[in-house]
Amino acid sequence: MKKSKMLLRMVKNREVTAKRLLNAAKNYVAMKTKNTIAPGYPSIMMVEPTNFCNLNCPLCPTGNGTLKVPRGSMKLEQFKKVIDECGPYLLNLTLWNWGEPFMNKNVYDMIDYAKSKNIFLRVSTNGHLLKDSENLERIVRSGMDELIFSLDAATKETYTKYRKRGDFDTVLNNLKRLVEIKRKLKTKTPFIEIQFIVMKHNEHEIPQIKKLVKDIGVDDLKLKTLNLEMEVKGEKEKYKNMLPEDEKYSRYKKNLKKKDISQGCKRLWLTSVVNWDGSVSPCCYDPNRSIGLGNMFEQGSFKGVWNSKKYQAFRKAVMKNKEKILICKDCPGHLTGLDVE
């Protein structure tokens, strides 16, 4: 989805408030002046409902079994604690991380609660668990702003090569029903986006996925580059055969070296991640929580973690030498998305 369209919808829905803008401005100034203390709350927050998933995608730590942290699901009351403290300052709430959000039995209540606080809400799903028409209608009626379907294929044969244990027809049917319900209720939300990670086995289907998006009536298509940096570190050679032939669809050069990546990190002042158990991570590129910043449920508040000595030390370390930090030195930065022609 184009950022300008997102901003317009946020303004129209009154999700952009003076309080949220002032909060963002405070942290932006702190970032520009290299102040390790962020005076406000994050403007963008990722909250992880669960790190369980029903699929076994080979390059995902959750799916391939290399996730080393405990598995579990956030309780509704814990989620409310996050929203009650941070919600008044959030311009964007992302409800996913290292799992399938709809595996949390309370996720619909979480969605409703976040929207009751007038927060711009994005959810990403593999699309398998939305079989109940009542739940599909509840999603539409909730006012959720954006729903992303991770598809990565335009045909059943291609889909099963990466989305292990998945069923292409199920996802496609759920997509179609969701679009139909939106039309029936005459609403523009949720904005439905199909995500397509470009790989060697599916790059030939890019024209087909563009046509599929148009035929179904989905709002947008996002092509993404494949990331080999998660739990396959040191094994890039093993997986390089998954990279697309056309280098314009890759974040890597043919020798597996990164293309130019963005320097610095705005995320440390503007965004943060709360995992299902309350542990806080600097961003989503730390699935095994190698950077331990604290736990908001144990420490009593998110703000106590956000400006703790650990968080401040991490901001300072990234500013000083980003290349020395494992999760940062190969950060894809702006290379994740691709323009759809």
C-alpha atoms as a PDB file:
ATOM      1  CA  MET A   1       0.000   0.000   0.000  1.00  0.00           C
ATOM      2  CA  LYS A   2       1.321   3.403  -0.913  1.00  0.00           C
ATOM      3  CA  LYS A   3       2.268   5.498   2.144  1.00  0.00           C
ATOM      4  CA  SER A   4       0.315   8.510   0.916  1.00  0.00           C
ATOM      5  CA  LYS A   5      -2.920   6.470   0.768  1.00  0.00           C
ATOM      6  CA  MET A   6      -2.273   5.116   4.256  1.00  0.00           C
ATOM      7  CA  LEU A   7      -1.732   8.622   5.647  1.00  0.00           C
ATOM      8  CA  LEU A   8      -4.893   9.933   3.997  1.00  0.00           C
ATOM      9  CA  ARG A   9      -6.958   7.138   5.540  1.00  0.00           C
ATOM     10  CA  MET A  10      -5.422   7.752   8.948  1.00  0.00           C
ATOM     11  CA  VAL A  11      -6.325  11.440   8.760  1.00  0.00           C
ATOM     12  CA  LYS A  12      -9.835  10.666   7.511  1.00  0.00           C
ATOM     13  CA  ASN A  13     -10.421   8.168  10.322  1.00  0.00           C
ATOM     14  CA  ARG A  14      -9.010  10.622  12.880  1.00  0.00           C
ATOM     15  CA  GLU A  15      -6.289   8.165  13.850  1.00  0.00           C
ATOM     16  CA  VAL A  16      -3.730  10.962  13.535  1.00  0.00           C
ATOM     17  CA  THR A  17      -4.074  13.158  16.609  1.00  0.00           C
ATOM     18  CA  ALA A  18      -2.121  16.145  17.903  1.00  0.00           C
ATOM     19  CA  LYS A  19      -0.943  14.030  20.834  1.00  0.00           C
ATOM     20  CA  ARG A  20       0.425  11.330  18.530  1.00  0.00           C
ATOM     21  CA  LEU A  21       2.113  13.826  16.229  1.00  0.00           C
ATOM     22  CA  LEU A  22       3.732  15.653  19.137  1.00  0.00           C
ATOM     23  CA  ASN A  23       4.977  12.353  20.541  1.00  0.00           C
ATOM     24  CA  ALA A  24       6.515  11.427  17.179  1.00  0.00           C
ATOM     25  CA  ALA A  25       8.124  14.840  16.863  1.00  0.00           C
ATOM     26  CA  LYS A  26       9.778  14.542  20.274  1.00  0.00           C
ATOM     27  CA  ASN A  27      11.376  11.232  19.402  1.00  0.00           C
ATOM     28  CA  TYR A  28      12.388  12.442  15.951  1.00  0.00           C
ATOM     29  CA  VAL A  29      14.254  15.365  17.487  1.00  0.00           C
ATOM     30  CA  ALA A  30      15.954  12.997  19.940  1.00  0.00           C
ATOM     31  CA  MET A  31      17.030  10.787  17.048  1.00  0.00           C
ATOM     32  CA  LYS A  32      18.400  13.695  15.008  1.00  0.00           C
ATOM     33  CA  THR A  33      20.315  15.049  17.999  1.00  0.00           C
ATOM     34  CA  LYS A  34      21.586  11.542  18.864  1.00  0.00           C
ATOM     35  CA  ASN A  35      20.007  11.602  22.302  1.00  0.00           C
ATOM     36  CA  THR A  36      19.886   8.034  23.633  1.00  0.00           C
ATOM     37  CA  ILE A  37      16.760   8.881  25.646  1.00  0.00           C
ATOM     38  CA  ALA A  38      13.537   8.826  23.629  1.00  0.00           C
ATOM     39  CA  PRO A  39      11.238  11.287  25.438  1.00  0.00           C
ATOM     40  CA  GLY A  40       8.022   9.884  23.967  1.00  0.00           C
ATOM     41  CA  TYR A  41       6.597   6.446  23.227  1.00  0.00           C
ATOM     42  CA  PRO A  42       7.159   4.584  19.936  1.00  0.00           C
ATOM     43  CA  SER A  43       4.942   5.818  17.113  1.00  0.00           C
ATOM     44  CA  ILE A  44       4.926   2.373  15.515  1.00  0.00           C
ATOM     45  CA  MET A  45       4.699  -0.769  17.598  1.00  0.00           C
ATOM     46  CA  MET A  46       4.712  -4.444  16.724  1.00  0.00           C
ATOM     47  CA  VAL A  47       2.858  -6.642  19.200  1.00  0.00           C
ATOM     48  CA  GLU A  48       3.170 -10.412  18.871  1.00  0.00           C
ATOM     49  CA  PRO A  49      -0.077 -12.288  19.648  1.00  0.00           C
ATOM     50  CA  THR A  50       1.739 -15.643  19.403  1.00  0.00           C
ATOM     51  CA  ASN A  51       4.858 -17.279  17.994  1.00  0.00           C
ATOM     52  CA  PHE A  52       3.055 -20.473  17.012  1.00  0.00           C
ATOM     53  CA  CYS A  53       2.327 -21.078  13.328  1.00  0.00           C
ATOM     54  CA  ASN A  54       0.402 -23.677  11.346  1.00  0.00           C
ATOM     55  CA  LEU A  55       2.881 -23.657   8.426  1.00  0.00           C
ATOM     56  CA  ASN A  56       6.481 -24.834   8.015  1.00  0.00           C
ATOM     57  CA  CYS A  57       8.042 -22.307   5.664  1.00  0.00           C
ATOM     58  CA  PRO A  58      11.722 -23.289   5.229  1.00  0.00           C
ATOM     59  CA  LEU A  59      13.331 -19.870   5.780  1.00  0.00           C
ATOM     60  CA  CYS A  60      11.227 -18.856   8.778  1.00  0.00           C
ATOM     61  CA  PRO A  61      12.661 -19.659  12.241  1.00  0.00           C
ATOM     62  CA  THR A  62       9.169 -20.478  13.502  1.00  0.00           C
ATOM     63  CA  GLY A  63       8.366 -22.765  10.601  1.00  0.00           C
ATOM     64  CA  ASN A  64      11.717 -24.514  10.256  1.00  0.00           C
ATOM     65  CA  GLY A  65      12.058 -25.242  13.977  1.00  0.00           C
ATOM     66  CA  THR A  66      15.129 -23.106  14.689  1.00  0.00           C
ATOM     67  CA  LEU A  67      13.304 -20.628  16.940  1.00  0.00           C
ATOM     68  CA  LYS A  68      15.061 -20.938  20.296  1.00  0.00           C
ATOM     69  CA  VAL A  69      12.806 -18.810  22.487  1.00  0.00           C
ATOM     70  CA  PRO A  70       9.787 -20.169  24.417  1.00  0.00           C
ATOM     71  CA  ARG A  71       6.540 -20.601  22.455  1.00  0.00           C
ATOM     72  CA  GLY A  72       3.288 -19.165  23.686  1.00  0.00           C
ATOM     73  CA  SER A  73       0.450 -16.690  23.242  1.00  0.00           C
ATOM     74  CA  MET A  74      -0.218 -13.290  24.779  1.00  0.00           C
ATOM     75  CA  LYS A  75      -3.244 -13.096  27.063  1.00  0.00           C
ATOM     76  CA  LEU A  76      -5.963 -10.563  26.336  1.00  0.00           C
ATOM     77  CA  GLU A  77      -5.406  -8.698  29.605  1.00  0.00           C
ATOM     78  CA  GLN A  78      -1.704  -8.437  28.823  1.00  0.00           C
ATOM     79  CA  PHE A  79      -2.499  -7.030  25.394  1.00  0.00           C
ATOM     80  CA  LYS A  80      -4.818  -4.477  26.966  1.00  0.00           C
ATOM     81  CA  LYS A  81      -1.989  -3.440  29.274  1.00  0.00           C
ATOM     82  CA  VAL A  82       0.210  -2.699  26.246  1.00  0.00           C
ATOM     83  CA  ILE A  83      -2.544  -0.744  24.491  1.00  0.00           C
ATOM     84  CA  ASP A  84      -3.652   1.192  27.571  1.00  0.00           C
ATOM     85  CA  GLU A  85      -0.114   2.475  28.110  1.00  0.00           C
ATOM     86  CA  CYS A  86       1.150   2.922  24.549  1.00  0.00           C
ATOM     87  CA  GLY A  87      -2.029   3.240  22.474  1.00  0.00           C
ATOM     88  CA  PRO A  88      -2.588   6.995  22.944  1.00  0.00           C
ATOM     89  CA  TYR A  89       0.750   7.617  21.200  1.00  0.00           C
ATOM     90  CA  LEU A  90       0.653   5.032  18.409  1.00  0.00           C
ATOM     91  CA  LEU A  91       0.291   6.041  14.779  1.00  0.00           C
ATOM     92  CA  ASN A  92       0.509   2.416  13.693  1.00  0.00           C
ATOM     93  CA  LEU A  93      -0.013  -0.894  15.466  1.00  0.00           C
ATOM     94  CA  THR A  94       1.322  -4.016  13.745  1.00  0.00           C
ATOM     95  CA  LEU A  95      -0.301  -7.160  15.150  1.00  0.00           C
ATOM     96  CA  TRP A  96       2.128  -9.948  14.228  1.00  0.00           C
ATOM     97  CA  ASN A  97       5.754 -10.991  14.516  1.00  0.00           C
ATOM     98  CA  TRP A  98       7.077 -14.578  14.564  1.00  0.00           C
ATOM     99  CA  GLY A  99       3.814 -16.476  14.331  1.00  0.00           C
ATOM    100  CA  GLU A 100       0.342 -16.643  12.785  1.00  0.00           C
ATOM    101  CA  PRO A 101      -1.785 -14.077  14.706  1.00  0.00           C
ATOM    102  CA  PHE A 102      -5.044 -15.983  14.240  1.00  0.00           C
ATOM    103  CA  MET A 103      -3.654 -18.923  16.227  1.00  0.00           C
ATOM    104  CA  ASN A 104      -4.241 -16.786  19.319  1.00  0.00           C
ATOM    105  CA  LYS A 105      -7.834 -17.497  20.391  1.00  0.00           C
ATOM    106  CA  ASN A 106      -8.174 -13.918  21.649  1.00  0.00           C
ATOM    107  CA  VAL A 107      -6.974 -12.186  18.492  1.00  0.00           C
ATOM    108  CA  TYR A 108     -10.443 -10.954  17.462  1.00  0.00           C
ATOM    109  CA  ASP A 109     -10.904  -9.353  20.884  1.00  0.00           C
ATOM    110  CA  MET A 110      -7.431  -7.825  20.545  1.00  0.00           C
ATOM    111  CA  ILE A 111      -8.398  -6.348  17.186  1.00  0.00           C
ATOM    112  CA  ASP A 112     -11.629  -4.946  18.609  1.00  0.00           C
ATOM    113  CA  TYR A 113      -9.855  -3.463  21.627  1.00  0.00           C
ATOM    114  CA  ALA A 114      -7.155  -1.769  19.538  1.00  0.00           C
ATOM    115  CA  LYS A 115      -9.752  -0.270  17.208  1.00  0.00           C
ATOM    116  CA  SER A 116     -11.825   0.915  20.174  1.00  0.00           C
ATOM    117  CA  LYS A 117      -8.818   3.126  20.971  1.00  0.00           C
ATOM    118  CA  ASN A 118      -8.820   4.499  17.407  1.00  0.00           C
ATOM    119  CA  ILE A 119      -5.398   3.104  16.481  1.00  0.00           C
ATOM    120  CA  PHE A 120      -4.382   2.435  12.880  1.00  0.00           C
ATOM    121  CA  LEU A 121      -4.143  -1.363  12.840  1.00  0.00           C
ATOM    122  CA  ARG A 122      -2.347  -3.733  10.458  1.00  0.00           C
ATOM    123  CA  VAL A 123      -2.506  -7.540  10.647  1.00  0.00           C
ATOM    124  CA  SER A 124      -0.630 -10.106   8.536  1.00  0.00           C
ATOM    125  CA  THR A 125      -1.822 -13.681   8.050  1.00  0.00           C
ATOM    126  CA  ASN A 126      -1.183 -16.770   5.961  1.00  0.00           C
ATOM    127  CA  GLY A 127      -4.947 -16.839   5.476  1.00  0.00           C
ATOM    128  CA  HIS A 128      -5.773 -20.404   6.518  1.00  0.00           C
ATOM    129  CA  LEU A 129      -7.637 -19.814   9.773  1.00  0.00           C
ATOM    130  CA  LEU A 130     -10.292 -17.390   8.482  1.00  0.00           C
ATOM    131  CA  LYS A 131     -12.727 -20.094   7.395  1.00  0.00           C
ATOM    132  CA  ASP A 132     -15.705 -18.956   9.433  1.00  0.00           C
ATOM    133  CA  SER A 133     -17.890 -16.395   7.627  1.00  0.00           C
ATOM    134  CA  GLU A 134     -18.838 -14.919  10.989  1.00  0.00           C
ATOM    135  CA  ASN A 135     -15.175 -14.244  11.768  1.00  0.00           C
ATOM    136  CA  LEU A 136     -14.561 -12.792   8.308  1.00  0.00           C
ATOM    137  CA  GLU A 137     -17.469 -10.411   8.834  1.00  0.00           C
ATOM    138  CA  ARG A 138     -16.191  -9.555  12.300  1.00  0.00           C
ATOM    139  CA  ILE A 139     -12.835  -8.579  10.765  1.00  0.00           C
ATOM    140  CA  VAL A 140     -14.565  -6.256   8.315  1.00  0.00           C
ATOM    141  CA  ARG A 141     -16.853  -4.746  10.942  1.00  0.00           C
ATOM    142  CA  SER A 142     -13.955  -4.244  13.379  1.00  0.00           C
ATOM    143  CA  GLY A 143     -12.581  -1.363  11.334  1.00  0.00           C
ATOM    144  CA  MET A 144      -9.170  -3.026  10.958  1.00  0.00           C
ATOM    145  CA  ASP A 145      -7.241  -0.791   8.588  1.00  0.00           C
ATOM    146  CA  GLU A 146      -5.069  -3.267   6.700  1.00  0.00           C
ATOM    147  CA  LEU A 147      -4.955  -7.049   6.312  1.00  0.00           C
ATOM    148  CA  ILE A 148      -1.966  -8.628   4.559  1.00  0.00           C
ATOM    149  CA  PHE A 149      -2.163 -12.113   3.041  1.00  0.00           C
ATOM    150  CA  SER A 150       1.222 -13.823   2.597  1.00  0.00           C
ATOM    151  CA  LEU A 151       0.682 -15.743  -0.628  1.00  0.00           C
ATOM    152  CA  ASP A 152       3.979 -15.949  -2.579  1.00  0.00           C
ATOM    153  CA  ALA A 153       2.386 -17.757  -5.524  1.00  0.00           C
ATOM    154  CA  ALA A 154      -0.235 -17.487  -8.247  1.00  0.00           C
ATOM    155  CA  THR A 155      -0.850 -21.245  -8.601  1.00  0.00           C
ATOM    156  CA  LYS A 156      -1.343 -24.208  -6.301  1.00  0.00           C
ATOM    157  CA  GLU A 157       1.747 -26.005  -7.610  1.00  0.00           C
ATOM    158  CA  THR A 158       4.050 -23.081  -6.899  1.00  0.00           C
ATOM    159  CA  TYR A 159       2.454 -22.299  -3.530  1.00  0.00           C
ATOM    160  CA  THR A 160       3.307 -25.660  -1.968  1.00  0.00           C
ATOM    161  CA  LYS A 161       7.010 -25.319  -2.805  1.00  0.00           C
ATOM    162  CA  TYR A 162       7.481 -22.754  -0.025  1.00  0.00           C
ATOM    163  CA  ARG A 163       4.311 -22.575   2.058  1.00  0.00           C
ATOM    164  CA  LYS A 164       4.746 -26.058   3.513  1.00  0.00           C
ATOM    165  CA  ARG A 165       1.541 -27.588   4.973  1.00  0.00           C
ATOM    166  CA  GLY A 166      -0.421 -24.784   3.350  1.00  0.00           C
ATOM    167  CA  ASP A 167      -3.396 -25.012   1.000  1.00  0.00           C
ATOM    168  CA  PHE A 168      -3.555 -22.488  -1.835  1.00  0.00           C
ATOM    169  CA  ASP A 169      -7.250 -23.020  -2.560  1.00  0.00           C
ATOM    170  CA  THR A 170      -8.209 -22.381   1.076  1.00  0.00           C
ATOM    171  CA  VAL A 171      -6.347 -19.076   1.156  1.00  0.00           C
ATOM    172  CA  LEU A 172      -7.741 -17.994  -2.200  1.00  0.00           C
ATOM    173  CA  ASN A 173     -11.310 -18.816  -1.163  1.00  0.00           C
ATOM    174  CA  ASN A 174     -10.919 -16.884   2.084  1.00  0.00           C
ATOM    175  CA  LEU A 175      -9.567 -13.914   0.145  1.00  0.00           C
ATOM    176  CA  LYS A 176     -12.517 -13.955  -2.232  1.00  0.00           C
ATOM    177  CA  ARG A 177     -15.045 -14.230   0.600  1.00  0.00           C
ATOM    178  CA  LEU A 178     -13.443 -11.351   2.444  1.00  0.00           C
ATOM    179  CA  VAL A 179     -13.647  -9.146  -0.652  1.00  0.00           C
ATOM    180  CA  GLU A 180     -17.303 -10.158  -1.091  1.00  0.00           C
ATOM    181  CA  ILE A 181     -18.131  -9.260   2.515  1.00  0.00           C
ATOM    182  CA  LYS A 182     -16.461  -5.866   2.111  1.00  0.00           C
ATOM    183  CA  ARG A 183     -18.607  -5.220  -0.948  1.00  0.00           C
ATOM    184  CA  LYS A 184     -21.742  -6.402   0.815  1.00  0.00           C
ATOM    185  CA  LEU A 185     -21.095  -4.103   3.761  1.00  0.00           C
ATOM    186  CA  LYS A 186     -19.974  -1.271   1.449  1.00  0.00           C
ATOM    187  CA  THR A 187     -16.779  -0.562   3.333  1.00  0.00           C
ATOM    188  CA  LYS A 188     -13.227   0.137   2.197  1.00  0.00           C
ATOM    189  CA  THR A 189     -11.600  -1.506   5.204  1.00  0.00           C
ATOM    190  CA  PRO A 190      -9.674  -3.561   5.755  1.00  0.00           C
ATOM    191  CA  PHE A 191      -7.366  -2.560   2.908  1.00  0.00           C
ATOM    192  CA  ILE A 192      -6.373  -5.989   1.580  1.00  0.00           C
ATOM    193  CA  GLU A 193      -2.824  -6.536   0.391  1.00  0.00           C
ATOM    194  CA  ILE A 194      -1.263  -9.658  -1.097  1.00  0.00           C
ATOM    195  CA  GLN A 195       2.395 -10.138  -0.231  1.00  0.00           C
ATOM    196  CA  PHE A 196       4.580 -11.954  -2.737  1.00  0.00           C
ATOM    197  CA  ILE A 197       8.183 -12.784  -1.776  1.00  0.00           C
ATOM    198  CA  VAL A 198      10.041 -13.121  -5.072  1.00  0.00           C
ATOM    199  CA  MET A 199      12.022 -16.360  -5.302  1.00  0.00           C
ATOM    200  CA  LYS A 200      13.486 -18.432  -8.117  1.00  0.00           C
ATOM    201  CA  HIS A 201      10.568 -20.833  -8.194  1.00  0.00           C
ATOM    202  CA  ASN A 202       7.882 -18.128  -8.364  1.00  0.00           C
ATOM    203  CA  GLU A 203       9.383 -15.134 -10.212  1.00  0.00           C
ATOM    204  CA  HIS A 204       7.828 -16.363 -13.475  1.00  0.00           C
ATOM    205  CA  GLU A 205       4.397 -15.916 -11.859  1.00  0.00           C
ATOM    206  CA  ILE A 206       4.692 -12.175 -11.258  1.00  0.00           C
ATOM    207  CA  PRO A 207       2.466 -11.350 -14.266  1.00  0.00           C
ATOM    208  CA  GLN A 208      -0.052 -13.954 -13.040  1.00  0.00           C
ATOM    209  CA  ILE A 209      -0.167 -12.629  -9.484  1.00  0.00           C
ATOM    210  CA  LYS A 210      -0.786  -9.113 -10.820  1.00  0.00           C
ATOM    211  CA  LYS A 211      -3.738 -10.451 -12.817  1.00  0.00           C
ATOM    212  CA  LEU A 212      -5.009 -12.473  -9.840  1.00  0.00           C
ATOM    213  CA  VAL A 213      -4.999  -9.397  -7.611  1.00  0.00           C
ATOM    214  CA  LYS A 214      -7.010  -7.496 -10.208  1.00  0.00           C
ATOM    215  CA  ASP A 215      -9.473 -10.334 -10.840  1.00  0.00           C
ATOM    216  CA  ILE A 216     -10.252 -10.919  -7.141  1.00  0.00           C
ATOM    217  CA  GLY A 217     -10.514  -7.228  -6.359  1.00  0.00           C
ATOM    218  CA  VAL A 218      -7.695  -7.083  -3.826  1.00  0.00           C
ATOM    219  CA  ASP A 219      -6.543  -3.532  -3.065  1.00  0.00           C
ATOM    220  CA  ASP A 220      -2.797  -3.915  -3.524  1.00  0.00           C
ATOM    221  CA  LEU A 221       0.121  -6.222  -4.294  1.00  0.00           C
ATOM    222  CA  LYS A 222       3.494  -5.972  -2.561  1.00  0.00           C
ATOM    223  CA  LEU A 223       6.503  -7.726  -4.057  1.00  0.00           C
ATOM    224  CA  LYS A 224       9.181  -8.399  -1.439  1.00  0.00           C
ATOM    225  CA  THR A 225      12.793  -9.510  -1.601  1.00  0.00           C
ATOM    226  CA  LEU A 226      13.886 -12.803  -0.060  1.00  0.00           C
ATOM    227  CA  ASN A 227      15.803 -12.537   3.207  1.00  0.00           C
ATOM    228  CA  LEU A 228      18.525 -15.102   3.976  1.00  0.00           C
ATOM    229  CA  GLU A 229      19.651 -13.425   7.191  1.00  0.00           C
ATOM    230  CA  MET A 230      17.478 -15.000   9.849  1.00  0.00           C
ATOM    231  CA  GLU A 231      18.222 -18.490  11.115  1.00  0.00           C
ATOM    232  CA  VAL A 232      20.210 -19.609   8.116  1.00  0.00           C
ATOM    233  CA  LYS A 233      23.236 -17.481   8.995  1.00  0.00           C
ATOM    234  CA  GLY A 234      26.340 -19.159   7.652  1.00  0.00           C
ATOM    235  CA  GLU A 235      24.214 -21.259   5.305  1.00  0.00           C
ATOM    236  CA  LYS A 236      23.557 -18.774   2.528  1.00  0.00           C
ATOM    237  CA  GLU A 237      25.241 -21.057   0.001  1.00  0.00           C
ATOM    238  CA  LYS A 238      22.728 -23.768   0.875  1.00  0.00           C
ATOM    239  CA  TYR A 239      19.778 -21.529   0.140  1.00  0.00           C
ATOM    240  CA  LYS A 240      21.136 -19.282  -2.609  1.00  0.00           C
ATOM    241  CA  ASN A 241      19.361 -21.435  -5.197  1.00  0.00           C
ATOM    242  CA  MET A 242      16.110 -19.895  -3.892  1.00  0.00           C
ATOM    243  CA  LEU A 243      17.130 -16.399  -4.991  1.00  0.00           C
ATOM    244  CA  PRO A 244      15.458 -15.114  -8.165  1.00  0.00           C
ATOM    245  CA  GLU A 245      17.369 -15.143 -11.431  1.00  0.00           C
ATOM    246  CA  ASP A 246      16.469 -11.516 -12.121  1.00  0.00           C
ATOM    247  CA  GLU A 247      18.693  -9.482  -9.794  1.00  0.00           C
ATOM    248  CA  LYS A 248      16.279  -6.565  -9.738  1.00  0.00           C
ATOM    249  CA  TYR A 249      14.054  -8.734  -7.520  1.00  0.00           C
ATOM    250  CA  SER A 250      16.862  -9.527  -5.056  1.00  0.00           C
ATOM    251  CA  ARG A 251      18.524  -7.713  -2.165  1.00  0.00           C
ATOM    252  CA  TYR A 252      21.704  -9.672  -2.942  1.00  0.00           C
ATOM    253  CA  LYS A 253      24.263  -9.591  -5.698  1.00  0.00           C
ATOM    254  CA  LYS A 254      25.170 -12.832  -7.450  1.00  0.00           C
ATOM    255  CA  ASN A 255      28.048 -13.404  -5.006  1.00  0.00           C
ATOM    256  CA  LEU A 256      25.548 -13.194  -2.103  1.00  0.00           C
ATOM    257  CA  LYS A 257      26.937  -9.872  -0.932  1.00  0.00           C
ATOM    258  CA  LYS A 258      24.317  -7.333   0.016  1.00  0.00           C
ATOM    259  CA  LYS A 259      23.488  -4.472  -2.254  1.00  0.00           C
ATOM    260  CA  ASP A 260      23.945  -1.088  -0.606  1.00  0.00           C
ATOM    261  CA  ILE A 261      21.991  -1.002   2.637  1.00  0.00           C
ATOM    262  CA  SER A 262      20.713   1.963   4.580  1.00  0.00           C
ATOM    263  CA  GLN A 263      22.889   3.233   7.389  1.00  0.00           C
ATOM    264  CA  GLY A 264      21.775   4.288  10.847  1.00  0.00           C
ATOM    265  CA  CYS A 265      18.521   3.174  12.438  1.00  0.00           C
ATOM    266  CA  LYS A 266      15.419   5.278  12.944  1.00  0.00           C
ATOM    267  CA  ARG A 267      13.635   2.329  14.519  1.00  0.00           C
ATOM    268  CA  LEU A 268      15.387   2.702  17.858  1.00  0.00           C
ATOM    269  CA  TRP A 269      13.573   5.987  18.468  1.00  0.00           C
ATOM    270  CA  LEU A 270      10.374   5.487  16.497  1.00  0.00           C
ATOM    271  CA  THR A 271       9.416   1.794  16.745  1.00  0.00           C
ATOM    272  CA  SER A 272       9.617  -1.190  19.066  1.00  0.00           C
ATOM    273  CA  VAL A 273       8.450  -4.801  19.454  1.00  0.00           C
ATOM    274  CA  VAL A 274       6.602  -6.402  22.361  1.00  0.00           C
ATOM    275  CA  ASN A 275       6.754 -10.195  22.128  1.00  0.00           C
ATOM    276  CA  TRP A 276       3.976 -12.494  23.365  1.00  0.00           C
ATOM    277  CA  ASP A 277       5.555 -12.844  26.836  1.00  0.00           C
ATOM    278  CA  GLY A 278       6.208  -9.131  27.326  1.00  0.00           C
ATOM    279  CA  SER A 279       9.870  -9.203  26.362  1.00  0.00           C
ATOM    280  CA  VAL A 280      10.897  -6.206  24.287  1.00  0.00           C
ATOM    281  CA  SER A 281      12.998  -6.391  21.121  1.00  0.00           C
ATOM    282  CA  PRO A 282      14.375  -3.473  19.114  1.00  0.00           C
ATOM    283  CA  CYS A 283      12.831  -4.746  15.884  1.00  0.00           C
ATOM    284  CA  CYS A 284      11.445  -7.830  14.146  1.00  0.00           C
ATOM    285  CA  TYR A 285      14.884  -8.906  12.866  1.00  0.00           C
ATOM    286  CA  ASP A 286      15.732 -10.484  16.214  1.00  0.00           C
ATOM    287  CA  PRO A 287      13.578 -13.651  16.350  1.00  0.00           C
ATOM    288  CA  ASN A 288      15.679 -15.288  19.071  1.00  0.00           C
ATOM    289  CA  ARG A 289      15.904 -12.086  21.128  1.00  0.00           C
ATOM    290  CA  SER A 290      19.683 -11.856  21.093  1.00  0.00           C
ATOM    291  CA  ILE A 291      19.299  -8.237  22.187  1.00  0.00           C
ATOM    292  CA  GLY A 292      17.664  -8.468  25.612  1.00  0.00           C
ATOM    293  CA  LEU A 293      16.179  -5.072  26.449  1.00  0.00           C
ATOM    294  CA  GLY A 294      13.813  -6.074  29.253  1.00  0.00           C
ATOM    295  CA  ASN A 295      10.269  -7.312  29.864  1.00  0.00           C
ATOM    296  CA  MET A 296       7.420  -4.835  30.271  1.00  0.00           C
ATOM    297  CA  PHE A 297       5.153  -7.300  32.098  1.00  0.00           C
ATOM    298  CA  GLU A 298       7.843  -8.099  34.644  1.00  0.00           C
ATOM    299  CA  GLN A 299       9.080  -4.515  34.988  1.00  0.00           C
ATOM    300  CA  GLY A 300       5.598  -3.014  35.231  1.00  0.00           C
ATOM    301  CA  SER A 301       5.541  -0.746  32.178  1.00  0.00           C
ATOM    302  CA  PHE A 302       6.806  -0.359  28.647  1.00  0.00           C
ATOM    303  CA  LYS A 303       8.276   3.083  29.351  1.00  0.00           C
ATOM    304  CA  GLY A 304      10.500   1.535  31.998  1.00  0.00           C
ATOM    305  CA  VAL A 305      12.048  -0.664  29.315  1.00  0.00           C
ATOM    306  CA  TRP A 306      12.008   1.950  26.523  1.00  0.00           C
ATOM    307  CA  ASN A 307      14.420   4.274  28.319  1.00  0.00           C
ATOM    308  CA  SER A 308      16.231   1.724  30.446  1.00  0.00           C
ATOM    309  CA  LYS A 309      20.028   1.676  30.589  1.00  0.00           C
ATOM    310  CA  LYS A 310      19.985  -1.365  28.260  1.00  0.00           C
ATOM    311  CA  TYR A 311      17.897   0.388  25.594  1.00  0.00           C
ATOM    312  CA  GLN A 312      19.991   3.541  25.811  1.00  0.00           C
ATOM    313  CA  ALA A 313      23.210   1.518  25.575  1.00  0.00           C
ATOM    314  CA  PHE A 314      21.878  -0.268  22.486  1.00  0.00           C
ATOM    315  CA  ARG A 315      20.997   3.018  20.767  1.00  0.00           C
ATOM    316  CA  LYS A 316      24.495   4.269  21.526  1.00  0.00           C
ATOM    317  CA  ALA A 317      26.096   1.058  20.231  1.00  0.00           C
ATOM    318  CA  VAL A 318      24.192   1.245  16.920  1.00  0.00           C
ATOM    319  CA  MET A 319      25.201   4.862  16.433  1.00  0.00           C
ATOM    320  CA  LYS A 320      28.814   4.059  17.232  1.00  0.00           C
ATOM    321  CA  ASN A 321      29.328   0.963  15.070  1.00  0.00           C
ATOM    322  CA  LYS A 322      26.344  -0.737  13.480  1.00  0.00           C
ATOM    323  CA  GLU A 323      28.592  -3.280  11.732  1.00  0.00           C
ATOM    324  CA  LYS A 324      29.561  -4.907  15.046  1.00  0.00           C
ATOM    325  CA  ILE A 325      25.979  -5.851  15.924  1.00  0.00           C
ATOM    326  CA  LEU A 326      24.922  -9.142  14.325  1.00  0.00           C
ATOM    327  CA  ILE A 327      21.249  -8.325  13.785  1.00  0.00           C
ATOM    328  CA  CYS A 328      22.115  -4.860  12.462  1.00  0.00           C
ATOM    329  CA  LYS A 329      25.092  -5.362  10.173  1.00  0.00           C
ATOM    330  CA  ASP A 330      23.040  -7.238   7.585  1.00  0.00           C
ATOM    331  CA  CYS A 331      19.825  -5.311   8.127  1.00  0.00           C
ATOM    332  CA  PRO A 332      17.964  -5.132   4.801  1.00  0.00           C
ATOM    333  CA  GLY A 333      16.729  -1.636   5.582  1.00  0.00           C
ATOM    334  CA  HIS A 334      14.980  -0.219   2.534  1.00  0.00           C
ATOM    335  CA  LEU A 335      15.574  -3.341   0.438  1.00  0.00           C
ATOM    336  CA  THR A 336      12.551  -5.312   1.619  1.00  0.00           C
ATOM    337  CA  GLY A 337       9.967  -3.962  -0.781  1.00  0.00           C
ATOM    338  CA  LEU A 338       9.823  -3.630  -4.562  1.00  0.00           C
ATOM    339  CA  ASP A 339       7.785  -1.342  -6.740  1.00  0.00           C
ATOM    340  CA  VAL A 340       4.994  -3.084  -8.623  1.00  0.00           C
ATOM    341  CA  GLU A 341       4.942  -1.960 -12.242  1.00  0.00           C
END
